[in-house]
PDB file of N, CA and C in Angstrom:
ATOM      1  N   UNK A   1      88.375 100.871  82.209  1.00  0.00           N
ATOM      2  CA  UNK A   1      88.061 100.729  80.909  1.00  0.00           C
ATOM      3  C   UNK A   1      87.591  98.942  80.755  1.00  0.00           C
ATOM      4  N   UNK A   2      86.618  98.885  79.831  1.00  0.00           N
ATOM      5  CA  UNK A   2      86.304  97.718  79.763  1.00  0.00           C
ATOM      6  C   UNK A   2      87.937  96.660  79.414  1.00  0.00           C
ATOM      7  N   UNK A   3      87.727  96.049  79.204  1.00  0.00           N
ATOM      8  CA  UNK A   3      88.328  94.977  79.668  1.00  0.00           C
ATOM      9  C   UNK A   3      88.797  94.374  79.948  1.00  0.00           C
ATOM     10  N   UNK A   4      90.376  93.736  80.389  1.00  0.00           N
ATOM     11  CA  UNK A   4      90.562  92.675  81.491  1.00  0.00           C
ATOM     12  C   UNK A   4      91.768  93.617  82.496  1.00  0.00           C
ATOM     13  N   UNK A   5      90.921  94.582  82.652  1.00  0.00           N
ATOM     14  CA  UNK A   5      92.035  94.798  83.405  1.00  0.00           C
ATOM     15  C   UNK A   5      91.283  95.435  84.826  1.00  0.00           C
ATOM     16  N   UNK A   6      91.700  95.518  85.977  1.00  0.00           N
ATOM     17  CA  UNK A   6      91.209  95.964  87.260  1.00  0.00           C
ATOM     18  C   UNK A   6      92.183  97.125  87.891  1.00  0.00           C
ATOM     19  N   UNK A   7      90.979  97.774  88.475  1.00  0.00           N
ATOM     20  CA  UNK A   7      92.248  99.221  89.188  1.00  0.00           C
ATOM     21  C   UNK A   7      91.724  99.096  91.024  1.00  0.00           C
ATOM     22  N   UNK A   8      92.360  99.734  91.519  1.00  0.00           N
ATOM     23  CA  UNK A   8      92.405  99.260  92.665  1.00  0.00           C
ATOM     24  C   UNK A   8      93.679 100.203  93.576  1.00  0.00           C
ATOM     25  N   UNK A   9      93.047 100.513  94.649  1.00  0.00           N
ATOM     26  CA  UNK A   9      93.567 101.187  95.536  1.00  0.00           C
ATOM     27  C   UNK A   9      94.373 100.000  96.903  1.00  0.00           C
ATOM     28  N   UNK A  10      95.716 100.309  97.361  1.00  0.00           N
ATOM     29  CA  UNK A  10      96.515  99.357  98.373  1.00  0.00           C
ATOM     30  C   UNK A  10      97.497 100.408  98.787  1.00  0.00           C
ATOM     31  N   UNK A  11      97.776  99.925 100.033  1.00  0.00           N
ATOM     32  CA  UNK A  11      99.034 100.828 100.880  1.00  0.00           C
ATOM     33  C   UNK A  11     100.069  99.730 100.355  1.00  0.00           C
ATOM     34  N   UNK A  12     100.280  99.107  99.400  1.00  0.00           N
ATOM     35  CA  UNK A  12     101.783  98.385  99.552  1.00  0.00           C
ATOM     36  C   UNK A  12     103.333  99.184  98.814  1.00  0.00           C
ATOM     37  N   UNK A  13     102.937 100.313  98.818  1.00  0.00           N
ATOM     38  CA  UNK A  13     104.191 101.113  98.316  1.00  0.00           C
ATOM     39  C   UNK A  13     103.617 102.539  99.312  1.00  0.00           C
ATOM     40  N   UNK A  14     103.051 102.862  99.698  1.00  0.00           N
ATOM     41  CA  UNK A  14     102.456 104.170 100.562  1.00  0.00           C
ATOM     42  C   UNK A  14     101.488 103.974 101.196  1.00  0.00           C
ATOM     43  N   UNK A  15     101.907 103.926 102.690  1.00  0.00           N
ATOM     44  CA  UNK A  15     100.741 103.745 103.182  1.00  0.00           C
ATOM     45  C   UNK A  15      99.506 104.388 103.562  1.00  0.00           C
ATOM     46  N   UNK A  16      99.808 105.702 103.003  1.00  0.00           N
ATOM     47  CA  UNK A  16      98.292 106.323 102.739  1.00  0.00           C
ATOM     48  C   UNK A  16      97.228 105.547 101.415  1.00  0.00           C
ATOM     49  N   UNK A  17      98.145 104.797 100.641  1.00  0.00           N
ATOM     50  CA  UNK A  17      96.966 104.334  99.845  1.00  0.00           C
ATOM     51  C   UNK A  17      97.569 105.045  98.727  1.00  0.00           C
ATOM     52  N   UNK A  18      97.777 104.242  97.166  1.00  0.00           N
ATOM     53  CA  UNK A  18      97.781 104.478  95.937  1.00  0.00           C
ATOM     54  C   UNK A  18      96.945 103.677  94.977  1.00  0.00           C
ATOM     55  N   UNK A  19      96.891 104.464  94.179  1.00  0.00           N
ATOM     56  CA  UNK A  19      95.968 103.604  92.523  1.00  0.00           C
ATOM     57  C   UNK A  19      96.849 102.809  91.820  1.00  0.00           C
ATOM     58  N   UNK A  20      96.407 101.380  91.741  1.00  0.00           N
ATOM     59  CA  UNK A  20      97.317 100.194  90.973  1.00  0.00           C
ATOM     60  C   UNK A  20      96.266  99.653  89.794  1.00  0.00           C
ATOM     61  N   UNK A  21      96.915  99.175  88.931  1.00  0.00           N
ATOM     62  CA  UNK A  21      95.983  98.283  87.887  1.00  0.00           C
ATOM     63  C   UNK A  21      97.257  97.096  87.521  1.00  0.00           C
ATOM     64  N   UNK A  22      95.942  96.157  87.288  1.00  0.00           N
ATOM     65  CA  UNK A  22      96.970  94.503  87.365  1.00  0.00           C
ATOM     66  C   UNK A  22      95.751  94.481  85.609  1.00  0.00           C
ATOM     67  N   UNK A  23      96.867  93.388  84.884  1.00  0.00           N
ATOM     68  CA  UNK A  23      95.880  92.705  83.986  1.00  0.00           C
ATOM     69  C   UNK A  23      95.899  91.397  83.865  1.00  0.00           C
ATOM     70  N   UNK A  24      95.122  91.084  83.118  1.00  0.00           N
ATOM     71  CA  UNK A  24      94.489  89.480  83.315  1.00  0.00           C
ATOM     72  C   UNK A  24      94.851  88.880  82.079  1.00  0.00           C
ATOM     73  N   UNK A  25      95.982  88.295  82.057  1.00  0.00           N
ATOM     74  CA  UNK A  25      97.085  87.626  80.774  1.00  0.00           C
ATOM     75  C   UNK A  25      96.412  86.147  80.729  1.00  0.00           C
ATOM     76  N   UNK A  26      97.158  85.247  79.713  1.00  0.00           N
ATOM     77  CA  UNK A  26      97.024  84.036  79.787  1.00  0.00           C
ATOM     78  C   UNK A  26      97.033  82.980  81.101  1.00  0.00           C
ATOM     79  N   UNK A  27      98.461  83.929  81.850  1.00  0.00           N
ATOM     80  CA  UNK A  27      99.016  82.723  83.047  1.00  0.00           C
ATOM     81  C   UNK A  27      98.239  83.646  84.169  1.00  0.00           C
ATOM     82  N   UNK A  28      97.146  84.776  84.136  1.00  0.00           N
ATOM     83  CA  UNK A  28      96.167  84.821  85.174  1.00  0.00           C
ATOM     84  C   UNK A  28      96.764  86.544  85.819  1.00  0.00           C
ATOM     85  N   UNK A  29      96.820  86.999  86.810  1.00  0.00           N
ATOM     86  CA  UNK A  29      96.467  88.806  86.921  1.00  0.00           C
ATOM     87  C   UNK A  29      98.083  88.958  86.952  1.00  0.00           C
ATOM     88  N   UNK A  30      97.827  89.890  86.338  1.00  0.00           N
ATOM     89  CA  UNK A  30      99.640  90.330  86.389  1.00  0.00           C
ATOM     90  C   UNK A  30     100.486  90.860  87.660  1.00  0.00           C
ATOM     91  N   UNK A  31     101.373  91.273  87.793  1.00  0.00           N
ATOM     92  CA  UNK A  31     102.107  91.710  88.798  1.00  0.00           C
ATOM     93  C   UNK A  31     101.151  93.008  89.420  1.00  0.00           C
ATOM     94  N   UNK A  32     100.795  93.734  90.016  1.00  0.00           N
ATOM     95  CA  UNK A  32      99.860  95.346  90.031  1.00  0.00           C
ATOM     96  C   UNK A  32     101.229  96.198  89.731  1.00  0.00           C
ATOM     97  N   UNK A  33     100.726  97.107  89.185  1.00  0.00           N
ATOM     98  CA  UNK A  33     101.252  98.449  88.601  1.00  0.00           C
ATOM     99  C   UNK A  33     101.007  99.514  89.359  1.00  0.00           C
ATOM    100  N   UNK A  34     101.820 100.398  90.394  1.00  0.00           N
ATOM    101  CA  UNK A  34     101.220 101.204  90.816  1.00  0.00           C
ATOM    102  C   UNK A  34     101.314 102.501  89.524  1.00  0.00           C
ATOM    103  N   UNK A  35      99.856 103.581  89.879  1.00  0.00           N
ATOM    104  CA  UNK A  35      99.994 104.329  88.249  1.00  0.00           C
ATOM    105  C   UNK A  35     100.689 105.449  88.704  1.00  0.00           C
ATOM    106  N   UNK A  36     101.313 106.095  87.721  1.00  0.00           N
ATOM    107  CA  UNK A  36     102.074 107.161  87.837  1.00  0.00           C
ATOM    108  C   UNK A  36     102.139 108.586  88.430  1.00  0.00           C
ATOM    109  N   UNK A  37     102.734 109.295  88.169  1.00  0.00           N
ATOM    110  CA  UNK A  37     102.859 110.645  89.348  1.00  0.00           C
ATOM    111  C   UNK A  37     101.641 111.613  88.955  1.00  0.00           C
ATOM    112  N   UNK A  38     101.139 111.509  87.890  1.00  0.00           N
ATOM    113  CA  UNK A  38     100.210 112.266  87.510  1.00  0.00           C
ATOM    114  C   UNK A  38      98.581 111.588  88.030  1.00  0.00           C
ATOM    115  N   UNK A  39      98.396 110.857  88.853  1.00  0.00           N
ATOM    116  CA  UNK A  39      97.725 110.182  89.496  1.00  0.00           C
ATOM    117  C   UNK A  39      97.751 109.913  90.991  1.00  0.00           C
ATOM    118  N   UNK A  40      99.218 109.322  91.209  1.00  0.00           N
ATOM    119  CA  UNK A  40      99.366 109.248  93.107  1.00  0.00           C
ATOM    120  C   UNK A  40     100.335 110.515  93.313  1.00  0.00           C
ATOM    121  N   UNK A  41     100.171 110.556  94.528  1.00  0.00           N
ATOM    122  CA  UNK A  41     100.915 111.771  95.404  1.00  0.00           C
ATOM    123  C   UNK A  41     101.436 110.891  96.655  1.00  0.00           C
ATOM    124  N   UNK A  42     102.699 110.933  97.074  1.00  0.00           N
ATOM    125  CA  UNK A  42     103.333 110.303  97.962  1.00  0.00           C
ATOM    126  C   UNK A  42     102.596 111.088  99.565  1.00  0.00           C
ATOM    127  N   UNK A  43     101.872 110.190 100.392  1.00  0.00           N
ATOM    128  CA  UNK A  43     101.160 110.403 101.384  1.00  0.00           C
ATOM    129  C   UNK A  43     100.354 111.159 101.265  1.00  0.00           C
ATOM    130  N   UNK A  44      99.241 111.097 100.329  1.00  0.00           N
ATOM    131  CA  UNK A  44      97.700 111.283 100.228  1.00  0.00           C
ATOM    132  C   UNK A  44      97.564 110.082  99.922  1.00  0.00           C
ATOM    133  N   UNK A  45      95.938 109.850  99.973  1.00  0.00           N
ATOM    134  CA  UNK A  45      95.541 109.063  99.944  1.00  0.00           C
ATOM    135  C   UNK A  45      94.543 108.807  98.632  1.00  0.00           C
ATOM    136  N   UNK A  46      94.503 108.010  97.903  1.00  0.00           N
ATOM    137  CA  UNK A  46      93.846 108.301  96.458  1.00  0.00           C
ATOM    138  C   UNK A  46      92.796 106.952  96.137  1.00  0.00           C
ATOM    139  N   UNK A  47      91.581 106.796  95.996  1.00  0.00           N
ATOM    140  CA  UNK A  47      90.902 105.695  96.021  1.00  0.00           C
ATOM    141  C   UNK A  47      89.954 106.284  95.041  1.00  0.00           C
ATOM    142  N   UNK A  48      89.004 104.971  94.827  1.00  0.00           N
ATOM    143  CA  UNK A  48      87.969 105.168  94.480  1.00  0.00           C
ATOM    144  C   UNK A  48      87.630 105.591  92.740  1.00  0.00           C
ATOM    145  N   UNK A  49      88.611 104.873  92.078  1.00  0.00           N
ATOM    146  CA  UNK A  49      89.093 105.033  90.515  1.00  0.00           C
ATOM    147  C   UNK A  49      87.695 104.577  89.682  1.00  0.00           C
ATOM    148  N   UNK A  50      86.951 105.567  88.885  1.00  0.00           N
ATOM    149  CA  UNK A  50      85.622 105.348  88.702  1.00  0.00           C
ATOM    150  C   UNK A  50      85.855 105.808  86.867  1.00  0.00           C
ATOM    151  N   UNK A  51      85.966 104.991  86.223  1.00  0.00           N
ATOM    152  CA  UNK A  51      86.059 105.235  84.391  1.00  0.00           C
ATOM    153  C   UNK A  51      85.014 105.626  83.645  1.00  0.00           C
ATOM    154  N   UNK A  52      85.072 106.481  82.491  1.00  0.00           N
ATOM    155  CA  UNK A  52      83.924 106.611  81.589  1.00  0.00           C
ATOM    156  C   UNK A  52      85.010 107.086  80.163  1.00  0.00           C
ATOM    157  N   UNK A  53      84.366 106.678  79.260  1.00  0.00           N
ATOM    158  CA  UNK A  53      84.876 107.395  77.928  1.00  0.00           C
ATOM    159  C   UNK A  53      83.916 108.265  77.258  1.00  0.00           C
ATOM    160  N   UNK A  54      85.105 109.294  76.688  1.00  0.00           N
ATOM    161  CA  UNK A  54      84.096 110.270  76.031  1.00  0.00           C
ATOM    162  C   UNK A  54      85.246 110.808  74.792  1.00  0.00           C
ATOM    163  N   UNK A  55      84.432 110.778  73.697  1.00  0.00           N
ATOM    164  CA  UNK A  55      85.158 111.280  72.498  1.00  0.00           C
ATOM    165  C   UNK A  55      86.306 110.740  72.521  1.00  0.00           C
ATOM    166  N   UNK A  56      86.609 108.973  72.503  1.00  0.00           N
ATOM    167  CA  UNK A  56      87.525 108.144  72.466  1.00  0.00           C
ATOM    168  C   UNK A  56      88.557 108.218  73.482  1.00  0.00           C
ATOM    169  N   UNK A  57      88.492 109.118  74.531  1.00  0.00           N
ATOM    170  CA  UNK A  57      89.190 109.445  75.477  1.00  0.00           C
ATOM    171  C   UNK A  57      88.890 108.497  76.706  1.00  0.00           C
ATOM    172  N   UNK A  58      89.593 107.751  77.251  1.00  0.00           N
ATOM    173  CA  UNK A  58      89.348 107.522  78.458  1.00  0.00           C
ATOM    174  C   UNK A  58      89.691 108.287  79.711  1.00  0.00           C
ATOM    175  N   UNK A  59      88.412 108.691  80.843  1.00  0.00           N
ATOM    176  CA  UNK A  59      88.392 109.691  81.877  1.00  0.00           C
ATOM    177  C   UNK A  59      88.132 108.735  82.987  1.00  0.00           C
ATOM    178  N   UNK A  60      89.275 109.165  83.956  1.00  0.00           N
ATOM    179  CA  UNK A  60      89.359 108.509  85.097  1.00  0.00           C
ATOM    180  C   UNK A  60      88.943 109.773  85.789  1.00  0.00           C
ATOM    181  N   UNK A  61      88.018 109.860  87.539  1.00  0.00           N
ATOM    182  CA  UNK A  61      87.312 110.061  88.156  1.00  0.00           C
ATOM    183  C   UNK A  61      87.801 109.400  89.686  1.00  0.00           C
ATOM    184  N   UNK A  62      88.709 109.950  90.259  1.00  0.00           N
ATOM    185  CA  UNK A  62      89.231 109.667  91.575  1.00  0.00           C
ATOM    186  C   UNK A  62      88.475 110.474  92.935  1.00  0.00           C
ATOM    187  N   UNK A  63      88.846 110.230  93.851  1.00  0.00           N
ATOM    188  CA  UNK A  63      89.405 111.219  95.269  1.00  0.00           C
ATOM    189  C   UNK A  63      90.540 111.067  95.753  1.00  0.00           C
ATOM    190  N   UNK A  64      91.111 112.367  95.779  1.00  0.00           N
ATOM    191  CA  UNK A  64      92.401 112.309  96.955  1.00  0.00           C
ATOM    192  C   UNK A  64      92.280 112.808  98.388  1.00  0.00           C
ATOM    193  N   UNK A  65      92.571 112.672  99.260  1.00  0.00           N
ATOM    194  CA  UNK A  65      92.907 113.186 100.451  1.00  0.00           C
ATOM    195  C   UNK A  65      93.810 112.757 101.120  1.00  0.00           C
ATOM    196  N   UNK A  66      94.224 113.475 102.442  1.00  0.00           N
ATOM    197  CA  UNK A  66      94.969 113.318 103.157  1.00  0.00           C
ATOM    198  C   UNK A  66      94.764 111.879 104.188  1.00  0.00           C
ATOM    199  N   UNK A  67      95.780 111.606 104.906  1.00  0.00           N
ATOM    200  CA  UNK A  67      95.132 110.116 105.813  1.00  0.00           C
ATOM    201  C   UNK A  67      95.033 110.749 106.562  1.00  0.00           C
ATOM    202  N   UNK A  68      93.453 110.204 107.784  1.00  0.00           N
ATOM    203  CA  UNK A  68      92.950 110.810 108.378  1.00  0.00           C
ATOM    204  C   UNK A  68      93.647 111.041 109.678  1.00  0.00           C
ATOM    205  N   UNK A  69      92.549 112.173 109.989  1.00  0.00           N
ATOM    206  CA  UNK A  69      93.445 112.679 111.525  1.00  0.00           C
ATOM    207  C   UNK A  69      93.680 113.942 111.262  1.00  0.00           C
ATOM    208  N   UNK A  70      94.051 114.532 109.975  1.00  0.00           N
ATOM    209  CA  UNK A  70      94.115 115.749 110.018  1.00  0.00           C
ATOM    210  C   UNK A  70      93.241 116.593 110.013  1.00  0.00           C
ATOM    211  N   UNK A  71      92.762 117.682 110.261  1.00  0.00           N
ATOM    212  CA  UNK A  71      91.754 118.108 111.045  1.00  0.00           C
ATOM    213  C   UNK A  71      91.601 119.142 109.828  1.00  0.00           C
ATOM    214  N   UNK A  72      89.998 119.389 109.369  1.00  0.00           N
ATOM    215  CA  UNK A  72      89.921 120.369 108.424  1.00  0.00           C
ATOM    216  C   UNK A  72      90.648 120.156 106.967  1.00  0.00           C
ATOM    217  N   UNK A  73      90.383 118.621 106.706  1.00  0.00           N
ATOM    218  CA  UNK A  73      91.134 118.244 105.342  1.00  0.00           C
ATOM    219  C   UNK A  73      90.524 117.762 104.462  1.00  0.00           C
ATOM    220  N   UNK A  74      89.588 118.252 103.941  1.00  0.00           N
ATOM    221  CA  UNK A  74      88.898 116.475 103.752  1.00  0.00           C
ATOM    222  C   UNK A  74      89.054 116.385 102.101  1.00  0.00           C
ATOM    223  N   UNK A  75      88.319 115.393 101.148  1.00  0.00           N
ATOM    224  CA  UNK A  75      88.871 115.268  99.803  1.00  0.00           C
ATOM    225  C   UNK A  75      88.632 115.971  98.971  1.00  0.00           C
ATOM    226  N   UNK A  76      89.102 116.159  97.700  1.00  0.00           N
ATOM    227  CA  UNK A  76      88.803 116.260  96.670  1.00  0.00           C
ATOM    228  C   UNK A  76      88.765 115.367  95.395  1.00  0.00           C
ATOM    229  N   UNK A  77      87.514 115.433  94.086  1.00  0.00           N
ATOM    230  CA  UNK A  77      87.676 114.673  93.395  1.00  0.00           C
ATOM    231  C   UNK A  77      88.907 115.193  92.310  1.00  0.00           C
ATOM    232  N   UNK A  78      89.119 114.328  91.536  1.00  0.00           N
ATOM    233  CA  UNK A  78      90.392 114.859  90.298  1.00  0.00           C
ATOM    234  C   UNK A  78      89.807 113.771  89.207  1.00  0.00           C
ATOM    235  N   UNK A  79      89.938 114.282  87.931  1.00  0.00           N
ATOM    236  CA  UNK A  79      90.061 113.741  86.739  1.00  0.00           C
ATOM    237  C   UNK A  79      91.646 113.879  85.940  1.00  0.00           C
ATOM    238  N   UNK A  80      91.765 112.382  85.107  1.00  0.00           N
ATOM    239  CA  UNK A  80      92.732 112.562  84.439  1.00  0.00           C
ATOM    240  C   UNK A  80      91.937 111.800  83.413  1.00  0.00           C
ATOM    241  N   UNK A  81      92.848 112.600  81.940  1.00  0.00           N
ATOM    242  CA  UNK A  81      92.499 111.738  80.500  1.00  0.00           C
ATOM    243  C   UNK A  81      93.306 110.979  80.422  1.00  0.00           C
ATOM    244  N   UNK A  82      93.167 110.270  79.585  1.00  0.00           N
ATOM    245  CA  UNK A  82      94.352 109.172  79.167  1.00  0.00           C
ATOM    246  C   UNK A  82      95.514 109.038  79.902  1.00  0.00           C
ATOM    247  N   UNK A  83      95.644 109.208  81.125  1.00  0.00           N
ATOM    248  CA  UNK A  83      96.337 109.008  82.331  1.00  0.00           C
ATOM    249  C   UNK A  83      97.452 110.451  82.412  1.00  0.00           C
ATOM    250  N   UNK A  84      96.664 111.946  81.516  1.00  0.00           N
ATOM    251  CA  UNK A  84      97.615 112.730  81.693  1.00  0.00           C
ATOM    252  C   UNK A  84      97.292 114.017  82.999  1.00  0.00           C
ATOM    253  N   UNK A  85      97.949 114.812  83.154  1.00  0.00           N
ATOM    254  CA  UNK A  85      97.627 115.645  84.281  1.00  0.00           C
ATOM    255  C   UNK A  85      96.701 115.832  84.320  1.00  0.00           C
ATOM    256  N   UNK A  86      96.175 116.130  86.079  1.00  0.00           N
ATOM    257  CA  UNK A  86      95.221 116.262  86.483  1.00  0.00           C
ATOM    258  C   UNK A  86      94.624 117.332  86.754  1.00  0.00           C
ATOM    259  N   UNK A  87      92.861 117.022  86.412  1.00  0.00           N
ATOM    260  CA  UNK A  87      92.222 118.595  86.843  1.00  0.00           C
ATOM    261  C   UNK A  87      91.113 118.237  88.158  1.00  0.00           C
ATOM    262  N   UNK A  88      90.772 119.324  88.457  1.00  0.00           N
ATOM    263  CA  UNK A  88      89.678 119.275  89.568  1.00  0.00           C
ATOM    264  C   UNK A  88      88.570 118.577  88.726  1.00  0.00           C
ATOM    265  N   UNK A  89      87.406 117.919  88.994  1.00  0.00           N
ATOM    266  CA  UNK A  89      86.525 117.330  88.692  1.00  0.00           C
ATOM    267  C   UNK A  89      85.244 117.706  89.414  1.00  0.00           C
TER     268      UNK A  89
END
């Protein structure tokens, strides 16, 4: 969302990639924080976080898929409102 935040995917804690956030502060960017279990699932690749605001709520849409090499298992779009439980997008 607007402000001094950067959302990105990284394999720093899960080799399949998770979504993290870092914030710009007086001393530069904060240590990245992994978003919680409402967003990230161990062993699944979460990526491309996109945001919009609707009715005062922060909505994030992102993709989740198994790591490459698992035949027949494509990705899906999910959404989370204000960091809450996932919904199919």
